[in-house]
Amino acid sequence: MKSAELRQRFLDFFEKKGHKIVSSSSLIPTDPSVLFTTAGMQQFKPYFLGKQSPYGNRVASVQKCLRTSDIDRVGDSSHLTFFEMLGNFSFGDYFKKEAIEWAIEFLTKELGLEREKLWFTYFKGEGKIEEDKEAKEILRTLNISEKKIFGFGKEENFWGPTGDKGPCGPTVEIHYQLLDKPCSKECGPNCQCNRFVEIWNLVFNQYFQDQEHKLTPLKHKGIDTGLGFERLVAISQKKENVFETDLFKSLIEKIGGSADFSSRILADHIKAVIFLTAEEVVPGKMGQEYVLRRLLRKAIREKEKIEAKDDLLIELAKEVVELYKDVYPEVKRKEDQILTVIQKEEENFSKALNRGISQFNKLVDSGSNVLTGKQAFKLYETYSLPPEVIEEMASKKGIKVDMKGFKKAQKKHQEVSRAGAEKKFGGLGKEKDDPRAVQLHTATHLLHSALRKVLGEGVKQMGSDINPERLRFDFSFDRRLTEDEIKKIEALVNEQIERNLEVKKEEMKLGKALQAGALAFFKEKYPSRVFVYSIGDFSKEVCAGPHVKKTGQLSRFKILKQESVGAGIKRIKATLENN
C-alpha cells in the first residue's frame, strides 16, 4: 500500500466514525513553552481543557511534527526528527473503550495487519497514581491474550503534558512484532532487541498537570492518540525500517542507493530542513533557528563523509518537495526560498569551517592537551563550529575538550543575550522618556510591516536599536534592496503616517497574542503575559513599548542607508526628517 493511500485510509476510517478532519497545524506552535509541534494534540490543547471546539467533539488529523529528543538515534530503523503523526481525538465525548476498539479495528480490519502480531502495554500505576485497571480490562474483553498485555510505569505509559503544563494521563501503547524469535524469556514490548516497534500511543487525558507537577482530575476526559505514520508505512509495506519505504526510497537512491547511517541521517535531516524553512525559519544561533542550522550543517557534514557531489542537498530538497507538495502545498510555494537558504548555508558553513579549522589549529599548536571550555565556545560562537565538530577535530589531534566548561560559557552567553533582548526586542529601555526616540520606535514597527509587505513574509526581525537621532533595524533577507524597493518601503511607511492611524495597546497571554496574529519572532524571550501594539490595520507586534498615540505625530520617514551585517541579515538605518 502506497503511503498516500494509507494516509487517506486513516482519515476516511475516522470520518466514518463521526470525526471532523482537521488540517495539520504549523510546526511552529503558539505555545511559547515548546519550540516545535511534537504531537498532533498540540493544536487541540485548549479543547481538552473545556474550551468549545469549533470542529465538534471528535476530530482526526495528520500532523507534521518535529522532535530533536531522539536526534542522536536517527539512522536506526525507526527514529526521525521530522515525521507525520496520525491522530484521532475526543473532547469529552468517547473514552477508553472506543479508542482501543477502533485502533485495533483500523489496524486489523482496515489495513489487514496480523492481529497476533499486536502487543499492548498499559499503565500499571506509580506513586500516588493508581493502576489503569479499566484499560487492562477493556483489552481483555476485546480478546487480547493476557500474555500480550504488559504493565509499565510513568516513563513508558503516562503521557504529557506538552509544554510546562496541560492535560495528561495514562496510556495504552500498541506495539508491532517484527521478529518471531525472542531474545530471552523476558522479551516483550519495550525490549531493546528490536523485536518490537511501538506504532500507536492511545492517551487517556484525565488529569491536568500544573507547573509544579501537581495532578488534578479533568472535568472533561479526553482521548488523544498518536500513530507514527512512517513506522506504519514500513509495516504495511513489509519493510525492515522506515528508510526502505516509498517515503524515503527516492531520497536514498539519489544519495547513492545504500541506506547506511550517513544516507539515513541525510534523508531525515533534509526533510526537517525543508519543512522548517517553509515555516519561515532561517538558520541562526538561538531557539528554532539554531535547530535548523544544526540539522542543515549535520546534513552537510554527512554529505561530505560519503563524498557526494556538491549539489546533492539541492537535489534532495527538490525531491522532498515532489514527495510532499500534494499533502503540504507550502513546500512547493516556498521552494525557491528553501533552495536559497540551503545554498547560502552551505557556502557560509564552508567558509566558517575553514576559518574555524585554522583557528583550532592555532589553539592546539600551543602544546596543550586540553581545549578549554572558553576556547571551544569561541570556536562555536565566532566560527559557528558545532560542538560535535570541535570534539571530532580534537579527537583526531589526541586532545580533550572541556565540554562542561563549554556549556558553562554557553549558559553565561545566553544569560547576557537574554538580558540584552529586553531592550533589543522588548521595548526602548533607557530611551523610553525621550519623545523623539518614542516616535522612532513607532516608526520601527511601521518599517517592519512595510518590509514584509514589499519583500515578503520571509522577512523576520533580527534586532533593533533606537536613539533620538535614528533607528537601526536588522532583518533576515538574502540580498541588497533595490532603489525601487527602498522607495516603495518609504512610501508605504509615510502613507501610514499620513493616515494618522491609532496605536492601540492591549495586554494578553502570549499564546492569545500569537493566535491574534501579533508578530513575535523571539517567543522564548517573552513572559507569559505580554503587551500587543496594533497600528490601525497595518501592524501588530508583541512589544513592551512605549509608542505614540497616533501615527500623525510622526514626521516624514526617510531611509538613510542599508548595510549587510552577516549571512542573510540586512540592516536599515532610518530617521524621521526634521526631528
Protein backbone atom coordinates (compact mmCIF):
# COMPACT_ATOMS: atom_id res chain seq x y z
CA MET A 1 0.00 0.00 0.00
CA LYS A 2 1.43 3.37 -1.02
CA SER A 3 1.92 5.92 1.75
CA ALA A 4 -0.56 8.39 0.20
CA GLU A 5 -3.30 5.74 0.22
CA LEU A 6 -2.50 4.76 3.81
CA ARG A 7 -2.72 8.38 4.96
CA GLN A 8 -6.10 8.78 3.29
CA ARG A 9 -7.44 5.47 4.63
CA PHE A 10 -6.80 6.64 8.18
CA LEU A 11 -8.74 9.85 7.64
CA ASP A 12 -11.61 8.08 5.85
CA PHE A 13 -11.87 5.48 8.62
CA PHE A 14 -12.26 8.05 11.38
CA GLU A 15 -14.50 10.29 9.29
CA LYS A 16 -16.91 7.34 9.13
CA LYS A 17 -16.67 7.19 12.94
CA GLY A 18 -18.04 10.73 13.15
CA HIS A 19 -14.74 12.67 13.26
CA LYS A 20 -14.18 16.07 11.62
CA ILE A 21 -10.98 16.05 9.56
CA VAL A 22 -8.71 18.95 10.54
CA SER A 23 -5.61 20.10 8.64
CA SER A 24 -2.13 19.91 10.15
CA SER A 25 -1.15 22.93 12.20
CA SER A 26 2.17 24.75 11.82
CA LEU A 27 5.44 23.20 13.01
CA ILE A 28 5.90 26.45 14.94
CA PRO A 29 3.44 26.27 17.87
CA THR A 30 1.61 29.12 19.57
CA ASP A 31 2.60 27.63 22.95
CA PRO A 32 5.76 29.57 23.93
CA SER A 33 6.96 26.81 26.28
CA VAL A 34 7.85 24.49 23.38
CA LEU A 35 9.99 25.13 20.29
CA PHE A 36 8.15 22.88 17.85
CA THR A 37 4.94 20.97 17.32
CA THR A 38 5.84 17.50 18.56
CA ALA A 39 2.41 15.86 18.63
CA GLY A 40 -0.97 16.07 16.94
CA MET A 41 -2.75 17.13 20.11
CA GLN A 42 -0.96 20.47 20.49
CA GLN A 43 -3.34 22.45 18.31
CA PHE A 44 -6.27 20.94 20.23
CA LYS A 45 -4.88 21.54 23.73
CA PRO A 46 -7.49 24.20 24.72
CA TYR A 47 -10.38 21.85 23.86
CA PHE A 48 -9.16 19.23 26.34
CA LEU A 49 -9.40 21.94 29.00
CA GLY A 50 -13.04 22.79 28.35
CA LYS A 51 -12.88 25.42 25.59
CA GLN A 52 -15.55 24.88 22.95
CA SER A 53 -14.11 23.16 19.87
CA PRO A 54 -15.12 24.77 16.55
CA TYR A 55 -14.77 21.32 14.94
CA GLY A 56 -17.07 19.41 17.28
CA ASN A 57 -16.03 16.90 19.92
CA ARG A 58 -14.46 14.32 17.57
CA VAL A 59 -11.59 15.22 15.25
CA ALA A 60 -8.85 13.45 13.32
CA SER A 61 -5.73 14.80 11.66
CA VAL A 62 -2.40 14.07 10.02
CA GLN A 63 0.05 16.35 11.81
CA LYS A 64 3.57 17.25 10.70
CA CYS A 65 5.89 17.04 13.72
CA LEU A 66 9.48 17.74 14.62
CA ARG A 67 11.35 16.31 17.61
CA THR A 68 15.01 16.59 18.48
CA SER A 69 14.92 14.49 21.66
CA ASP A 70 15.96 11.42 19.67
CA ILE A 71 18.24 13.20 17.22
CA ASP A 72 21.24 11.05 18.20
CA ARG A 73 19.24 7.90 17.37
CA VAL A 74 18.35 9.00 13.84
CA GLY A 75 19.78 6.47 11.44
CA ASP A 76 18.43 3.37 13.16
CA SER A 77 15.34 1.58 11.85
CA SER A 78 12.64 3.90 13.17
CA HIS A 79 13.76 7.23 14.73
CA LEU A 80 13.30 10.51 12.85
CA THR A 81 13.39 14.25 13.53
CA PHE A 82 10.65 15.15 11.02
CA PHE A 83 7.69 12.79 10.89
CA GLU A 84 3.92 12.70 10.49
CA MET A 85 1.53 11.67 13.23
CA LEU A 86 -1.91 10.28 12.56
CA GLY A 87 -4.32 11.05 15.37
CA ASN A 88 -7.94 10.82 16.49
CA PHE A 89 -9.19 12.98 19.35
CA SER A 90 -12.19 13.21 21.64
CA PHE A 91 -13.02 16.27 23.73
CA GLY A 92 -15.34 14.97 26.43
CA ASP A 93 -17.03 12.53 24.04
CA TYR A 94 -15.92 8.87 23.77
CA PHE A 95 -13.22 7.48 26.02
CA LYS A 96 -11.07 4.37 26.53
CA LYS A 97 -13.30 1.62 25.17
CA GLU A 98 -13.91 3.24 21.77
CA ALA A 99 -10.31 4.45 21.42
CA ILE A 100 -8.87 0.98 21.98
CA GLU A 101 -11.55 -0.81 19.96
CA TRP A 102 -11.22 1.46 16.91
CA ALA A 103 -7.42 1.33 16.94
CA ILE A 104 -7.48 -2.47 16.77
CA GLU A 105 -10.22 -2.37 14.12
CA PHE A 106 -8.27 0.05 11.92
CA LEU A 107 -5.03 -1.95 12.11
CA THR A 108 -6.54 -5.40 11.60
CA LYS A 109 -9.72 -4.98 9.53
CA GLU A 110 -8.92 -1.82 7.56
CA LEU A 111 -5.22 -2.44 6.96
CA GLY A 112 -5.17 -6.22 7.28
CA LEU A 113 -2.30 -6.42 9.78
CA GLU A 114 -1.99 -9.73 11.61
CA ARG A 115 -3.79 -9.49 14.95
CA GLU A 116 -1.39 -11.94 16.61
CA LYS A 117 1.49 -9.53 15.96
CA LEU A 118 -0.08 -6.75 18.06
CA TRP A 119 1.14 -6.45 21.66
CA PHE A 120 -0.11 -3.96 24.25
CA THR A 121 1.22 -2.03 27.23
CA TYR A 122 -0.79 -0.12 29.83
CA PHE A 123 -0.13 1.99 32.96
CA LYS A 124 0.47 -0.28 35.95
CA GLY A 125 0.42 2.59 38.46
CA GLU A 126 3.22 4.54 40.10
CA GLY A 127 3.45 6.62 43.25
CA LYS A 128 0.06 8.10 44.08
CA ILE A 129 -1.38 7.39 40.61
CA GLU A 130 -3.38 4.18 40.53
CA GLU A 131 -3.12 1.32 38.04
CA ASP A 132 -5.29 1.78 34.93
CA LYS A 133 -7.36 -1.36 35.57
CA GLU A 134 -10.09 -0.11 33.25
CA ALA A 135 -7.80 -0.12 30.20
CA LYS A 136 -6.48 -3.58 31.02
CA GLU A 137 -9.99 -4.97 31.38
CA ILE A 138 -11.05 -3.43 28.04
CA LEU A 139 -8.14 -5.20 26.34
CA ARG A 140 -9.23 -8.48 27.89
CA THR A 141 -12.85 -8.02 26.72
CA LEU A 142 -11.51 -7.50 23.19
CA ASN A 143 -9.95 -10.97 23.35
CA ILE A 144 -6.38 -9.80 23.79
CA SER A 145 -4.40 -12.57 25.43
CA GLU A 146 -3.07 -11.88 28.94
CA LYS A 147 0.35 -12.89 27.59
CA LYS A 148 0.30 -9.90 25.25
CA ILE A 149 -0.63 -7.26 27.87
CA PHE A 150 2.27 -5.71 29.83
CA GLY A 151 2.17 -3.11 32.60
CA PHE A 152 4.71 -0.26 32.82
CA GLY A 153 5.21 2.87 34.94
CA LYS A 154 5.11 6.60 34.16
CA GLU A 155 8.17 6.67 31.92
CA GLU A 156 6.59 4.34 29.36
CA ASN A 157 2.82 4.57 29.86
CA PHE A 158 1.92 8.02 31.14
CA TRP A 159 1.98 10.83 28.60
CA GLY A 160 2.06 14.60 28.77
CA PRO A 161 1.70 17.38 29.15
CA THR A 162 3.16 19.15 26.13
CA GLY A 163 4.95 22.23 27.43
CA ASP A 164 5.17 23.09 31.12
CA LYS A 165 1.51 22.36 31.97
CA GLY A 166 -1.63 20.89 30.48
CA PRO A 167 -3.74 17.74 30.04
CA CYS A 168 -2.12 14.34 30.55
CA GLY A 169 -2.94 10.79 31.52
CA PRO A 170 -2.23 7.05 31.36
CA THR A 171 -1.78 5.36 28.01
CA VAL A 172 -2.21 2.14 26.12
CA GLU A 173 0.56 1.64 23.58
CA ILE A 174 0.26 -0.74 20.65
CA HIS A 175 3.47 -2.48 19.60
CA TYR A 176 4.01 -4.50 16.43
CA GLN A 177 6.08 -7.66 16.49
CA LEU A 178 8.76 -7.51 13.80
CA LEU A 179 10.76 -10.64 14.68
CA ASP A 180 9.44 -14.04 15.71
CA LYS A 181 12.30 -15.14 17.95
CA PRO A 182 12.50 -13.58 21.43
CA CYS A 183 15.90 -12.54 22.75
CA SER A 184 15.15 -14.01 26.20
CA LYS A 185 12.33 -15.26 28.40
CA GLU A 186 11.62 -11.67 29.47
CA CYS A 187 11.45 -10.37 25.88
CA GLY A 188 8.36 -8.23 25.30
CA PRO A 189 7.29 -4.69 24.26
CA ASN A 190 9.90 -2.02 25.08
CA CYS A 191 12.69 -4.63 24.93
CA GLN A 192 15.80 -3.13 23.33
CA CYS A 193 16.38 -6.11 21.00
CA ASN A 194 14.33 -4.54 18.14
CA ARG A 195 11.85 -7.40 18.13
CA PHE A 196 9.04 -4.88 18.61
CA VAL A 197 8.29 -1.38 17.38
CA GLU A 198 5.79 0.95 19.06
CA ILE A 199 3.31 2.24 16.50
CA TRP A 200 0.30 3.76 18.29
CA ASN A 201 0.01 5.63 21.57
CA LEU A 202 -3.53 5.97 22.99
CA VAL A 203 -3.53 8.71 25.64
CA PHE A 204 -6.41 8.94 28.09
CA ASN A 205 -6.38 12.57 29.18
CA GLN A 206 -7.97 12.51 32.61
CA TYR A 207 -5.64 14.82 34.58
CA PHE A 208 -4.35 18.38 34.42
CA GLN A 209 -0.71 18.84 35.45
CA ASP A 210 0.34 22.31 36.64
CA GLN A 211 3.86 23.81 36.59
CA GLU A 212 4.59 22.22 39.99
CA HIS A 213 3.68 18.78 38.54
CA LYS A 214 0.54 18.55 40.66
CA LEU A 215 -2.24 16.46 39.10
CA THR A 216 -5.95 17.26 39.35
CA PRO A 217 -8.76 15.35 37.57
CA LEU A 218 -10.08 16.96 34.38
CA LYS A 219 -13.77 17.86 34.28
CA HIS A 220 -13.98 16.62 30.68
CA LYS A 221 -12.00 13.47 29.93
CA GLY A 222 -10.47 13.25 26.50
CA ILE A 223 -8.75 10.96 24.00
CA ASP A 224 -5.51 11.89 22.26
CA THR A 225 -3.88 9.28 20.03
CA GLY A 226 -0.70 9.33 18.01
CA LEU A 227 0.03 6.76 15.31
CA GLY A 228 3.54 7.00 13.84
CA PHE A 229 2.94 7.30 10.10
CA GLU A 230 6.41 6.35 8.86
CA ARG A 231 6.52 3.27 11.11
CA LEU A 232 3.05 2.21 9.98
CA VAL A 233 4.07 2.61 6.33
CA ALA A 234 7.12 0.40 6.92
CA ILE A 235 4.99 -2.33 8.49
CA SER A 236 2.32 -2.09 5.76
CA GLN A 237 4.95 -2.26 3.02
CA LYS A 238 6.72 -5.14 4.83
CA LYS A 239 9.99 -3.24 5.13
CA GLU A 240 12.55 -3.70 7.90
CA ASN A 241 12.94 0.04 8.51
CA VAL A 242 11.32 3.36 7.63
CA PHE A 243 14.08 4.29 5.17
CA GLU A 244 13.10 1.46 2.79
CA THR A 245 9.56 2.80 2.26
CA ASP A 246 8.27 5.00 -0.55
CA LEU A 247 8.63 7.98 1.83
CA PHE A 248 12.42 7.66 1.64
CA LYS A 249 13.30 5.33 -1.25
CA SER A 250 13.79 8.06 -3.90
CA LEU A 251 15.93 10.11 -1.49
CA ILE A 252 18.18 7.15 -0.65
CA GLU A 253 18.55 6.41 -4.36
CA LYS A 254 19.66 9.98 -5.07
CA ILE A 255 22.18 9.78 -2.23
CA GLY A 256 23.68 6.63 -3.69
CA GLY A 257 21.35 3.73 -3.10
CA SER A 258 22.95 2.45 0.10
CA ALA A 259 20.83 3.05 3.19
CA ASP A 260 23.81 3.39 5.55
CA PHE A 261 23.82 5.66 8.61
CA SER A 262 25.05 8.75 6.77
CA SER A 263 22.47 8.31 4.00
CA ARG A 264 19.66 7.89 6.51
CA ILE A 265 20.69 10.95 8.51
CA LEU A 266 20.90 12.96 5.29
CA ALA A 267 17.45 11.84 4.16
CA ASP A 268 15.86 12.58 7.53
CA HIS A 269 17.55 15.92 8.17
CA ILE A 270 16.85 17.32 4.71
CA LYS A 271 13.13 16.73 5.29
CA ALA A 272 13.28 18.59 8.59
CA VAL A 273 15.21 21.43 6.92
CA ILE A 274 12.64 21.77 4.12
CA PHE A 275 9.66 21.88 6.47
CA LEU A 276 11.27 24.31 8.93
CA THR A 277 12.38 26.64 6.14
CA ALA A 278 8.87 26.53 4.67
CA GLU A 279 7.73 27.92 8.05
CA GLU A 280 9.98 30.99 7.52
CA VAL A 281 12.65 29.79 9.98
CA VAL A 282 16.17 30.84 8.99
CA PRO A 283 19.48 29.41 10.26
CA GLY A 284 20.74 31.19 13.38
CA LYS A 285 22.13 30.77 16.88
CA MET A 286 19.03 30.73 19.07
CA GLY A 287 15.94 28.56 19.51
CA GLN A 288 14.28 27.27 16.35
CA GLU A 289 16.89 28.93 14.16
CA TYR A 290 19.70 27.10 15.96
CA VAL A 291 17.93 23.76 15.49
CA LEU A 292 17.58 24.45 11.75
CA ARG A 293 21.25 25.38 11.49
CA ARG A 294 22.30 22.28 13.43
CA LEU A 295 20.20 19.99 11.20
CA LEU A 296 21.42 21.58 7.99
CA ARG A 297 25.07 21.58 8.98
CA LYS A 298 24.83 17.97 10.15
CA ALA A 299 23.41 17.11 6.73
CA ILE A 300 26.30 18.95 5.06
CA ARG A 301 28.83 17.01 7.13
CA GLU A 302 27.19 13.67 6.33
CA LYS A 303 27.23 14.60 2.64
CA GLU A 304 30.96 15.24 2.89
CA LYS A 305 31.53 11.93 4.69
CA ILE A 306 30.14 9.97 1.74
CA GLU A 307 31.99 12.27 -0.72
CA ALA A 308 28.78 13.12 -2.57
CA LYS A 309 28.54 15.68 -5.36
CA ASP A 310 28.34 19.35 -4.43
CA ASP A 311 24.70 19.92 -5.38
CA LEU A 312 23.31 16.81 -3.63
CA LEU A 313 21.39 18.74 -0.94
CA ILE A 314 19.67 20.86 -3.59
CA GLU A 315 18.66 17.69 -5.48
CA LEU A 316 17.37 16.10 -2.29
CA ALA A 317 15.43 19.24 -1.38
CA LYS A 318 13.70 19.23 -4.77
CA GLU A 319 12.81 15.56 -4.30
CA VAL A 320 11.33 16.24 -0.84
CA VAL A 321 9.17 18.98 -2.39
CA GLU A 322 7.93 16.49 -5.00
CA LEU A 323 7.17 13.90 -2.32
CA TYR A 324 5.05 16.23 -0.19
CA LYS A 325 3.72 19.00 -2.47
CA ASP A 326 0.23 17.47 -2.72
CA VAL A 327 -0.11 16.95 1.04
CA TYR A 328 1.65 20.12 2.23
CA PRO A 329 1.45 22.68 -0.64
CA GLU A 330 3.55 25.21 1.30
CA VAL A 331 6.76 23.33 0.46
CA LYS A 332 6.15 23.89 -3.25
CA ARG A 333 5.12 27.51 -2.70
CA LYS A 334 8.32 28.22 -0.78
CA GLU A 335 10.64 26.06 -2.93
CA ASP A 336 12.82 28.90 -4.26
CA GLN A 337 13.25 30.34 -0.77
CA ILE A 338 14.10 26.89 0.63
CA LEU A 339 16.75 26.23 -2.02
CA THR A 340 18.30 29.67 -1.44
CA VAL A 341 18.59 29.05 2.32
CA ILE A 342 20.27 25.67 1.75
CA GLN A 343 22.71 27.02 -0.83
CA LYS A 344 23.72 30.03 1.27
CA GLU A 345 24.13 27.98 4.46
CA GLU A 346 26.37 25.51 2.62
CA GLU A 347 28.53 28.41 1.44
CA ASN A 348 28.59 30.01 4.89
CA PHE A 349 29.41 26.75 6.66
CA SER A 350 32.26 26.02 4.27
CA LYS A 351 33.81 29.44 4.93
CA ALA A 352 33.22 29.21 8.67
CA LEU A 353 34.65 25.70 8.78
CA ASN A 354 37.86 26.78 7.03
CA ARG A 355 38.28 29.77 9.36
CA GLY A 356 37.41 27.67 12.39
CA ILE A 357 39.86 24.91 11.48
CA SER A 358 42.61 27.49 11.07
CA GLN A 359 41.82 28.97 14.49
CA PHE A 360 41.54 25.49 16.03
CA ASN A 361 45.00 24.58 14.72
CA LYS A 362 46.46 27.73 16.25
CA LEU A 363 44.99 26.79 19.63
CA VAL A 364 46.19 23.18 19.63
CA ASP A 365 49.63 24.07 18.30
CA SER A 366 50.26 25.83 21.60
CA GLY A 367 51.07 22.42 23.06
CA SER A 368 48.15 21.97 25.49
CA ASN A 369 46.41 18.59 25.52
CA VAL A 370 43.07 20.13 26.59
CA LEU A 371 40.88 22.63 24.76
CA THR A 372 39.27 24.82 27.42
CA GLY A 373 35.55 25.47 27.57
CA LYS A 374 36.05 29.15 26.71
CA GLN A 375 38.23 28.27 23.71
CA ALA A 376 35.70 25.69 22.46
CA PHE A 377 32.82 28.15 22.91
CA LYS A 378 34.67 30.83 20.97
CA LEU A 379 35.09 28.37 18.08
CA TYR A 380 31.34 27.80 18.23
CA GLU A 381 30.25 31.40 18.75
CA THR A 382 32.70 33.15 16.43
CA TYR A 383 33.25 30.49 13.76
CA SER A 384 29.93 28.59 14.01
CA LEU A 385 31.64 25.24 14.58
CA PRO A 386 29.14 22.81 16.17
CA PRO A 387 30.38 21.22 19.43
CA GLU A 388 30.42 17.76 17.84
CA VAL A 389 32.73 19.05 15.06
CA ILE A 390 35.08 20.55 17.64
CA GLU A 391 35.16 17.24 19.51
CA GLU A 392 35.82 15.30 16.29
CA MET A 393 38.75 17.54 15.36
CA ALA A 394 40.14 17.39 18.90
CA SER A 395 39.90 13.59 18.94
CA LYS A 396 41.94 13.35 15.75
CA LYS A 397 44.62 15.50 17.38
CA GLY A 398 44.56 13.38 20.54
CA ILE A 399 43.37 16.16 22.84
CA LYS A 400 40.31 16.51 25.06
CA VAL A 401 37.62 19.21 25.08
CA ASP A 402 36.31 20.63 28.36
CA MET A 403 32.62 20.25 27.45
CA LYS A 404 31.48 21.19 30.97
CA GLY A 405 33.34 24.46 30.57
CA PHE A 406 31.82 24.85 27.09
CA LYS A 407 28.29 24.51 28.49
CA LYS A 408 29.11 26.95 31.30
CA ALA A 409 30.37 29.53 28.79
CA GLN A 410 27.33 28.93 26.60
CA LYS A 411 24.93 29.41 29.53
CA LYS A 412 26.64 32.67 30.52
CA HIS A 413 26.39 33.90 26.94
CA GLN A 414 22.67 33.05 26.82
CA GLU A 415 22.05 34.97 30.06
CA VAL A 416 23.80 38.04 28.65
CA SER A 417 21.84 37.71 25.39
CA ARG A 418 18.56 37.36 27.27
CA ALA A 419 19.28 40.47 29.28
CA GLY A 420 20.11 42.39 26.13
CA ALA A 421 16.95 41.11 24.50
CA GLU A 422 14.79 43.12 26.89
CA LYS A 423 15.97 46.24 25.07
CA LYS A 424 16.60 44.69 21.68
CA PHE A 425 13.24 43.04 21.21
CA GLY A 426 11.00 44.20 24.04
CA GLY A 427 10.99 48.00 24.03
CA LEU A 428 13.07 51.17 24.27
CA GLY A 429 14.97 50.69 27.52
CA LYS A 430 16.64 53.83 28.83
CA GLU A 431 15.46 55.92 25.84
CA LYS A 432 11.76 55.47 26.77
CA ASP A 433 11.40 59.00 28.16
CA ASP A 434 12.75 60.74 25.07
CA PRO A 435 9.80 61.75 22.82
CA ARG A 436 11.92 61.56 19.65
CA ALA A 437 13.03 58.03 20.48
CA VAL A 438 9.42 57.05 21.16
CA GLN A 439 8.44 58.37 17.72
CA LEU A 440 11.26 56.41 16.08
CA HIS A 441 10.20 53.30 17.98
CA THR A 442 6.73 53.52 16.43
CA ALA A 443 8.36 54.13 13.05
CA THR A 444 10.31 50.88 13.56
CA HIS A 445 7.05 48.94 13.76
CA LEU A 446 5.83 50.61 10.58
CA LEU A 447 9.13 49.79 8.86
CA HIS A 448 8.94 46.15 9.93
CA SER A 449 5.47 45.72 8.49
CA ALA A 450 6.39 47.60 5.30
CA LEU A 451 9.43 45.37 4.76
CA ARG A 452 7.26 42.26 5.00
CA LYS A 453 4.67 43.69 2.60
CA VAL A 454 7.26 44.72 -0.02
CA LEU A 455 9.84 41.93 0.34
CA GLY A 456 7.64 39.06 1.53
CA GLU A 457 6.68 37.48 4.83
CA GLY A 458 10.01 35.65 4.99
CA VAL A 459 11.42 38.87 6.46
CA LYS A 460 11.99 38.47 10.21
CA GLN A 461 13.22 40.96 12.75
CA MET A 462 16.74 40.07 13.89
CA GLY A 463 17.31 43.05 16.18
CA SER A 464 16.91 46.80 16.53
CA ASP A 465 18.45 49.80 18.22
CA ILE A 466 16.98 53.27 18.66
CA ASN A 467 18.38 56.59 19.80
CA PRO A 468 16.88 60.09 19.47
CA GLU A 469 18.61 60.65 16.10
CA ARG A 470 17.89 57.46 14.17
CA LEU A 471 16.56 53.92 14.21
CA ARG A 472 18.52 50.81 13.26
CA PHE A 473 16.63 47.70 12.18
CA ASP A 474 18.18 44.29 11.37
CA PHE A 475 16.15 41.74 9.41
CA SER A 476 16.54 38.45 7.57
CA PHE A 477 16.98 38.91 3.81
CA ASP A 478 19.40 37.36 1.34
CA ARG A 479 20.34 40.32 -0.90
CA ARG A 480 20.64 44.10 -1.10
CA LEU A 481 17.43 46.02 -1.56
CA THR A 482 16.97 47.75 -4.90
CA GLU A 483 16.40 51.50 -5.08
CA ASP A 484 12.84 50.82 -6.22
CA GLU A 485 12.20 48.60 -3.17
CA ILE A 486 13.58 51.26 -0.81
CA LYS A 487 11.28 53.88 -2.37
CA LYS A 488 8.26 51.55 -2.01
CA ILE A 489 9.08 50.89 1.65
CA GLU A 490 9.49 54.60 2.42
CA ALA A 491 6.24 55.41 0.60
CA LEU A 492 4.33 52.70 2.46
CA VAL A 493 5.54 53.92 5.86
CA ASN A 494 4.76 57.55 5.04
CA GLU A 495 1.31 56.57 3.80
CA GLN A 496 0.53 55.14 7.28
CA ILE A 497 1.85 58.31 8.93
CA GLU A 498 -0.46 60.41 6.75
CA ARG A 499 -3.41 58.13 7.64
CA ASN A 500 -2.95 59.18 11.29
CA LEU A 501 -3.63 55.63 12.50
CA GLU A 502 -4.42 54.93 16.13
CA VAL A 503 -1.76 52.99 18.08
CA LYS A 504 -3.64 50.59 20.36
CA LYS A 505 -2.12 48.82 23.37
CA GLU A 506 -3.54 45.57 24.80
CA GLU A 507 -2.30 43.16 27.47
CA MET A 508 -2.90 39.44 26.94
CA LYS A 509 -1.37 35.97 27.22
CA LEU A 510 1.42 35.33 24.74
CA GLY A 511 -0.43 32.39 23.21
CA LYS A 512 -3.51 34.54 22.59
CA ALA A 513 -1.32 37.28 21.08
CA LEU A 514 0.20 34.83 18.63
CA GLN A 515 -3.22 33.44 17.70
CA ALA A 516 -4.37 37.00 17.05
CA GLY A 517 -1.57 37.40 14.50
CA ALA A 518 0.85 39.52 16.53
CA LEU A 519 4.45 39.28 15.29
CA ALA A 520 6.76 37.80 17.91
CA PHE A 521 9.86 36.18 16.47
CA PHE A 522 11.59 35.70 19.81
CA LYS A 523 8.89 33.84 21.75
CA GLU A 524 11.37 32.16 24.09
CA LYS A 525 12.38 35.62 25.40
CA TYR A 526 8.89 36.82 26.29
CA PRO A 527 6.95 36.35 29.56
CA SER A 528 3.62 34.51 29.65
CA ARG A 529 1.68 37.83 29.54
CA VAL A 530 2.69 40.49 27.02
CA PHE A 531 1.66 43.83 25.56
CA VAL A 532 0.49 43.92 21.96
CA TYR A 533 0.65 47.17 19.98
CA SER A 534 -1.61 47.46 16.94
CA ILE A 535 -1.17 50.31 14.48
CA GLY A 536 -4.50 50.53 12.69
CA ASP A 537 -4.85 47.62 10.27
CA PHE A 538 -1.18 47.85 9.25
CA SER A 539 0.91 46.43 12.09
CA LYS A 540 0.52 44.22 15.15
CA GLU A 541 3.50 43.25 17.33
CA VAL A 542 4.37 41.99 20.79
CA CYS A 543 6.32 44.85 22.40
CA ALA A 544 6.99 46.48 25.77
CA GLY A 545 6.56 49.99 24.33
CA PRO A 546 6.23 52.91 24.64
CA HIS A 547 4.71 54.37 21.45
CA VAL A 548 2.96 57.49 20.23
CA LYS A 549 -0.85 57.63 20.36
CA LYS A 550 -1.32 58.24 16.62
CA THR A 551 0.98 57.92 13.61
CA GLY A 552 0.20 61.53 12.62
CA GLN A 553 2.58 62.56 15.42
CA LEU A 554 5.48 61.32 13.26
CA SER A 555 7.23 63.45 10.66
CA ARG A 556 8.35 62.15 7.27
CA PHE A 557 10.16 58.78 7.33
CA LYS A 558 13.47 58.54 5.45
CA ILE A 559 15.81 55.56 4.93
CA LEU A 560 19.42 56.75 5.34
CA LYS A 561 21.34 53.64 4.31
CA GLN A 562 21.34 49.85 4.11
CA GLU A 563 24.13 47.53 5.24
CA SER A 564 24.95 43.82 5.39
CA VAL A 565 25.73 42.65 8.93
CA GLY A 566 26.06 38.90 8.41
CA ALA A 567 24.98 35.97 6.29
CA GLY A 568 21.37 36.56 5.26
CA ILE A 569 20.96 39.57 7.58
CA LYS A 570 20.50 43.15 6.35
CA ARG A 571 20.40 46.41 8.31
CA ILE A 572 18.48 49.59 7.61
CA LYS A 573 19.21 52.92 9.27
CA ALA A 574 16.44 55.48 9.04
CA THR A 575 15.16 58.66 10.62
CA LEU A 576 12.19 60.99 10.81
CA GLU A 577 13.08 64.16 8.94
CA ASN A 578 13.08 67.47 10.83
CA ASN A 579 13.03 65.53 14.07
